[in-house]
């Protein structure tokens, strides 16, 4: 019995990283987070201040995800790129999760 080796194209995690980065960017910079978490008649200034702290903490994971993505695409070998792309996807998912959970908690 032989083992079948599954080869994953590096294009798949790269597209996932781009989509997660776009979602995070729109949530933080384009006002999607404000529309989602500050719609209950609350003062916009108070909600913006609280959401700013959440997005700053989420930004730490976003920076890690962006750096992992950059390292994965600078290193041309598959042996180096896939672990960094997986780490980038995990970091972007954590950035989104922190933004969502933090937005729900600051409500």
N, C-alpha and C. Protein backbone atom coordinates (compact mmCIF):
# COMPACT_ATOMS: atom_id res chain seq x y z
N UNK A 1 0.83 -1.17 0.00
CA UNK A 1 0.00 0.00 0.00
C UNK A 1 0.89 1.25 0.00
N UNK A 2 0.65 2.13 -0.91
CA UNK A 2 1.44 3.35 -1.00
C UNK A 2 0.61 4.54 -0.53
N UNK A 3 1.30 5.50 -0.04
CA UNK A 3 0.63 6.73 0.41
C UNK A 3 0.52 7.70 -0.75
N UNK A 4 -0.64 8.25 -0.90
CA UNK A 4 -0.84 9.28 -1.92
C UNK A 4 -0.49 10.63 -1.32
N UNK A 5 0.33 11.36 -2.02
CA UNK A 5 0.74 12.66 -1.53
C UNK A 5 -0.17 13.74 -2.12
N UNK A 6 -0.72 14.55 -1.24
CA UNK A 6 -1.62 15.61 -1.67
C UNK A 6 -0.80 16.90 -1.81
N UNK A 7 -0.88 17.49 -2.98
CA UNK A 7 -0.16 18.73 -3.23
C UNK A 7 -1.17 19.87 -3.30
N UNK A 8 -0.96 20.86 -2.46
CA UNK A 8 -1.84 22.03 -2.42
C UNK A 8 -1.13 23.18 -3.10
N UNK A 9 -1.83 23.80 -4.01
CA UNK A 9 -1.26 24.95 -4.70
C UNK A 9 -1.07 26.10 -3.72
N UNK A 10 0.05 26.82 -3.80
CA UNK A 10 0.23 27.97 -2.92
C UNK A 10 -0.74 29.12 -3.23
N UNK A 11 -1.41 29.02 -4.35
CA UNK A 11 -2.37 30.05 -4.73
C UNK A 11 -3.60 30.04 -3.82
N UNK A 12 -3.99 28.87 -3.32
CA UNK A 12 -5.19 28.75 -2.48
C UNK A 12 -5.02 29.50 -1.15
N UNK A 13 -3.96 29.26 -0.37
CA UNK A 13 -3.83 30.04 0.86
C UNK A 13 -3.55 31.52 0.59
N UNK A 14 -2.92 31.85 -0.54
CA UNK A 14 -2.68 33.25 -0.86
C UNK A 14 -4.00 33.99 -1.09
N UNK A 15 -4.93 33.36 -1.80
CA UNK A 15 -6.24 33.97 -2.02
C UNK A 15 -6.99 34.10 -0.70
N UNK A 16 -6.88 33.08 0.15
CA UNK A 16 -7.53 33.14 1.47
C UNK A 16 -6.98 34.30 2.29
N UNK A 17 -5.67 34.48 2.26
CA UNK A 17 -5.04 35.58 3.00
C UNK A 17 -5.50 36.93 2.45
N UNK A 18 -5.57 37.06 1.13
CA UNK A 18 -6.03 38.32 0.54
C UNK A 18 -7.47 38.63 0.92
N UNK A 19 -8.32 37.63 0.90
CA UNK A 19 -9.72 37.85 1.26
C UNK A 19 -9.88 38.21 2.73
N UNK A 20 -9.15 37.52 3.60
CA UNK A 20 -9.21 37.85 5.03
C UNK A 20 -8.65 39.23 5.30
N UNK A 21 -7.58 39.60 4.62
CA UNK A 21 -7.00 40.93 4.79
C UNK A 21 -7.97 42.01 4.30
N UNK A 22 -8.64 41.75 3.19
CA UNK A 22 -9.62 42.72 2.68
C UNK A 22 -10.78 42.87 3.65
N UNK A 23 -11.27 41.77 4.19
CA UNK A 23 -12.36 41.83 5.16
C UNK A 23 -11.95 42.60 6.40
N UNK A 24 -10.75 42.34 6.90
CA UNK A 24 -10.26 43.06 8.07
C UNK A 24 -10.10 44.55 7.75
N UNK A 25 -9.53 44.85 6.62
CA UNK A 25 -9.32 46.25 6.24
C UNK A 25 -10.62 47.01 6.09
N UNK A 26 -11.62 46.39 5.46
CA UNK A 26 -12.92 47.06 5.34
C UNK A 26 -13.59 47.22 6.71
N UNK A 27 -13.41 46.25 7.58
CA UNK A 27 -14.02 46.34 8.90
C UNK A 27 -13.39 47.44 9.74
N UNK A 28 -12.10 47.63 9.59
CA UNK A 28 -11.40 48.62 10.42
C UNK A 28 -11.40 50.00 9.77
N UNK A 29 -11.09 50.09 8.50
CA UNK A 29 -10.86 51.38 7.87
C UNK A 29 -12.05 51.92 7.06
N UNK A 30 -12.94 51.06 6.59
CA UNK A 30 -14.04 51.52 5.74
C UNK A 30 -15.35 51.69 6.50
N UNK A 31 -15.33 51.46 7.80
CA UNK A 31 -16.51 51.71 8.60
C UNK A 31 -17.46 50.53 8.76
N UNK A 32 -17.08 49.36 8.27
CA UNK A 32 -17.96 48.20 8.44
C UNK A 32 -18.10 47.84 9.91
N UNK A 33 -17.03 47.98 10.68
CA UNK A 33 -17.10 47.69 12.11
C UNK A 33 -18.01 48.65 12.84
N UNK A 34 -17.94 49.92 12.47
CA UNK A 34 -18.83 50.91 13.10
C UNK A 34 -20.28 50.62 12.76
N UNK A 35 -20.55 50.26 11.52
CA UNK A 35 -21.92 49.95 11.12
C UNK A 35 -22.44 48.69 11.81
N UNK A 36 -21.56 47.75 12.06
CA UNK A 36 -21.99 46.49 12.66
C UNK A 36 -22.17 46.59 14.17
N UNK A 37 -21.31 47.34 14.84
CA UNK A 37 -21.30 47.31 16.29
C UNK A 37 -21.77 48.60 16.95
N UNK A 38 -22.04 49.65 16.19
CA UNK A 38 -22.43 50.93 16.80
C UNK A 38 -23.76 51.42 16.24
N UNK A 39 -24.71 50.56 16.05
CA UNK A 39 -25.95 50.95 15.40
C UNK A 39 -27.13 51.09 16.35
N UNK A 40 -26.93 51.01 17.63
CA UNK A 40 -28.04 51.03 18.59
C UNK A 40 -28.33 52.41 19.16
N UNK A 41 -28.11 53.46 18.42
CA UNK A 41 -28.38 54.80 18.90
C UNK A 41 -27.37 55.31 19.90
N UNK A 42 -26.25 54.63 19.99
CA UNK A 42 -25.20 55.02 20.92
C UNK A 42 -24.42 56.20 20.32
N UNK A 43 -23.81 56.98 21.17
CA UNK A 43 -23.00 58.08 20.68
C UNK A 43 -21.85 57.54 19.83
N UNK A 44 -21.71 58.06 18.65
CA UNK A 44 -20.70 57.56 17.72
C UNK A 44 -19.29 57.76 18.27
N UNK A 45 -19.09 58.84 18.99
CA UNK A 45 -17.76 59.13 19.53
C UNK A 45 -17.34 58.09 20.57
N UNK A 46 -18.26 57.70 21.44
CA UNK A 46 -17.94 56.70 22.47
C UNK A 46 -17.67 55.34 21.86
N UNK A 47 -18.53 54.96 20.92
CA UNK A 47 -18.36 53.65 20.28
C UNK A 47 -17.09 53.61 19.44
N UNK A 48 -16.77 54.70 18.78
CA UNK A 48 -15.56 54.76 17.97
C UNK A 48 -14.33 54.62 18.85
N UNK A 49 -14.33 55.23 19.99
CA UNK A 49 -13.18 55.13 20.90
C UNK A 49 -13.00 53.70 21.39
N UNK A 50 -14.09 53.04 21.73
CA UNK A 50 -13.98 51.65 22.19
C UNK A 50 -13.58 50.72 21.06
N UNK A 51 -14.13 50.93 19.88
CA UNK A 51 -13.77 50.07 18.76
C UNK A 51 -12.34 50.31 18.31
N UNK A 52 -11.82 51.50 18.51
CA UNK A 52 -10.43 51.79 18.15
C UNK A 52 -9.48 50.92 18.97
N UNK A 53 -9.77 50.74 20.24
CA UNK A 53 -8.90 49.90 21.07
C UNK A 53 -8.97 48.44 20.64
N UNK A 54 -10.15 47.99 20.27
CA UNK A 54 -10.29 46.61 19.79
C UNK A 54 -9.56 46.42 18.47
N UNK A 55 -9.68 47.38 17.57
CA UNK A 55 -9.02 47.25 16.28
C UNK A 55 -7.51 47.36 16.41
N UNK A 56 -7.03 48.10 17.40
CA UNK A 56 -5.59 48.17 17.64
C UNK A 56 -5.06 46.82 18.10
N UNK A 57 -5.77 46.17 19.01
CA UNK A 57 -5.35 44.84 19.47
C UNK A 57 -5.45 43.83 18.32
N UNK A 58 -6.48 43.94 17.51
CA UNK A 58 -6.63 43.07 16.36
C UNK A 58 -5.55 43.34 15.31
N UNK A 59 -5.09 44.58 15.26
CA UNK A 59 -4.05 44.95 14.31
C UNK A 59 -2.73 44.25 14.56
N UNK A 60 -2.48 43.86 15.81
CA UNK A 60 -1.26 43.10 16.11
C UNK A 60 -1.25 41.78 15.34
N UNK A 61 -2.39 41.08 15.33
CA UNK A 61 -2.48 39.84 14.59
C UNK A 61 -2.43 40.09 13.08
N UNK A 62 -2.99 41.21 12.65
CA UNK A 62 -2.97 41.56 11.23
C UNK A 62 -1.54 41.82 10.75
N UNK A 63 -0.75 42.48 11.57
CA UNK A 63 0.65 42.73 11.21
C UNK A 63 1.42 41.41 11.13
N UNK A 64 1.17 40.52 12.08
CA UNK A 64 1.82 39.20 12.04
C UNK A 64 1.42 38.46 10.77
N UNK A 65 0.14 38.50 10.42
CA UNK A 65 -0.33 37.86 9.21
C UNK A 65 0.28 38.45 7.95
N UNK A 66 0.41 39.77 7.91
CA UNK A 66 1.02 40.42 6.75
C UNK A 66 2.50 40.07 6.63
N UNK A 67 3.20 40.02 7.77
CA UNK A 67 4.62 39.67 7.74
C UNK A 67 4.82 38.22 7.31
N UNK A 68 3.98 37.32 7.81
CA UNK A 68 4.09 35.92 7.41
C UNK A 68 3.81 35.75 5.92
N UNK A 69 2.86 36.51 5.40
CA UNK A 69 2.56 36.45 3.98
C UNK A 69 3.75 36.96 3.16
N UNK A 70 4.34 38.05 3.60
CA UNK A 70 5.49 38.60 2.88
C UNK A 70 6.67 37.63 2.88
N UNK A 71 6.94 37.01 4.02
CA UNK A 71 8.04 36.04 4.09
C UNK A 71 7.75 34.84 3.20
N UNK A 72 6.51 34.40 3.16
CA UNK A 72 6.16 33.24 2.34
C UNK A 72 6.35 33.53 0.86
N UNK A 73 6.11 34.75 0.43
CA UNK A 73 6.26 35.06 -0.99
C UNK A 73 7.66 35.52 -1.36
N UNK A 74 8.47 35.90 -0.37
CA UNK A 74 9.87 36.22 -0.65
C UNK A 74 10.68 34.94 -0.79
N UNK A 75 10.35 33.95 0.02
CA UNK A 75 11.03 32.64 -0.06
C UNK A 75 10.39 31.82 -1.16
N UNK A 76 11.12 31.51 -2.21
CA UNK A 76 10.49 30.82 -3.35
C UNK A 76 10.28 29.32 -3.16
N UNK A 77 10.93 28.69 -2.21
CA UNK A 77 10.81 27.24 -2.09
C UNK A 77 9.54 26.86 -1.35
N UNK A 78 8.94 25.77 -1.77
CA UNK A 78 7.71 25.29 -1.17
C UNK A 78 7.94 24.89 0.29
N UNK A 79 9.13 24.40 0.60
CA UNK A 79 9.42 23.97 1.96
C UNK A 79 9.29 25.13 2.95
N UNK A 80 9.62 26.34 2.52
CA UNK A 80 9.52 27.51 3.39
C UNK A 80 8.18 28.21 3.29
N UNK A 81 7.59 28.21 2.12
CA UNK A 81 6.42 29.07 1.92
C UNK A 81 5.15 28.53 2.58
N UNK A 82 4.90 27.26 2.52
CA UNK A 82 3.63 26.73 3.04
C UNK A 82 3.47 26.90 4.56
N UNK A 83 4.48 26.64 5.38
CA UNK A 83 4.29 26.89 6.81
C UNK A 83 4.01 28.36 7.12
N UNK A 84 4.64 29.27 6.39
CA UNK A 84 4.39 30.69 6.61
C UNK A 84 3.00 31.09 6.11
N UNK A 85 2.54 30.49 5.02
CA UNK A 85 1.20 30.80 4.54
C UNK A 85 0.14 30.28 5.51
N UNK A 86 0.38 29.12 6.08
CA UNK A 86 -0.56 28.58 7.07
C UNK A 86 -0.57 29.48 8.31
N UNK A 87 0.61 29.93 8.73
CA UNK A 87 0.68 30.85 9.87
C UNK A 87 -0.02 32.17 9.54
N UNK A 88 0.09 32.62 8.30
CA UNK A 88 -0.58 33.87 7.90
C UNK A 88 -2.09 33.72 7.94
N UNK A 89 -2.59 32.60 7.46
CA UNK A 89 -4.04 32.36 7.50
C UNK A 89 -4.52 32.33 8.94
N UNK A 90 -3.79 31.63 9.80
CA UNK A 90 -4.17 31.56 11.21
C UNK A 90 -4.14 32.95 11.85
N UNK A 91 -3.13 33.74 11.54
CA UNK A 91 -3.04 35.08 12.12
C UNK A 91 -4.19 35.98 11.64
N UNK A 92 -4.55 35.89 10.36
CA UNK A 92 -5.66 36.70 9.86
C UNK A 92 -6.99 36.26 10.46
N UNK A 93 -7.16 34.95 10.65
CA UNK A 93 -8.40 34.48 11.29
C UNK A 93 -8.46 34.97 12.73
N UNK A 94 -7.33 34.96 13.42
CA UNK A 94 -7.30 35.49 14.79
C UNK A 94 -7.59 36.99 14.81
N UNK A 95 -7.08 37.73 13.82
CA UNK A 95 -7.36 39.17 13.75
C UNK A 95 -8.85 39.41 13.56
N UNK A 96 -9.48 38.62 12.70
CA UNK A 96 -10.92 38.75 12.49
C UNK A 96 -11.69 38.36 13.74
N UNK A 97 -11.26 37.30 14.40
CA UNK A 97 -11.95 36.83 15.61
C UNK A 97 -11.86 37.85 16.73
N UNK A 98 -10.68 38.43 16.91
CA UNK A 98 -10.52 39.46 17.95
C UNK A 98 -11.39 40.66 17.63
N UNK A 99 -11.44 41.05 16.37
CA UNK A 99 -12.27 42.19 15.98
C UNK A 99 -13.75 41.90 16.23
N UNK A 100 -14.20 40.70 15.89
CA UNK A 100 -15.61 40.35 16.07
C UNK A 100 -15.96 40.21 17.55
N UNK A 101 -15.18 39.44 18.27
CA UNK A 101 -15.48 39.23 19.69
C UNK A 101 -15.34 40.54 20.46
N UNK A 102 -14.32 41.32 20.15
CA UNK A 102 -14.15 42.61 20.80
C UNK A 102 -15.29 43.56 20.46
N UNK A 103 -15.75 43.53 19.23
CA UNK A 103 -16.88 44.36 18.84
C UNK A 103 -18.16 43.96 19.55
N UNK A 104 -18.35 42.69 19.75
CA UNK A 104 -19.52 42.23 20.49
C UNK A 104 -19.43 42.58 21.98
N UNK A 105 -18.23 42.56 22.54
CA UNK A 105 -18.07 42.85 23.96
C UNK A 105 -18.16 44.33 24.27
N UNK A 106 -17.77 45.19 23.35
CA UNK A 106 -17.81 46.62 23.63
C UNK A 106 -19.18 47.21 23.41
N UNK A 107 -20.09 46.42 22.94
CA UNK A 107 -21.46 46.88 22.69
C UNK A 107 -22.12 47.42 23.87
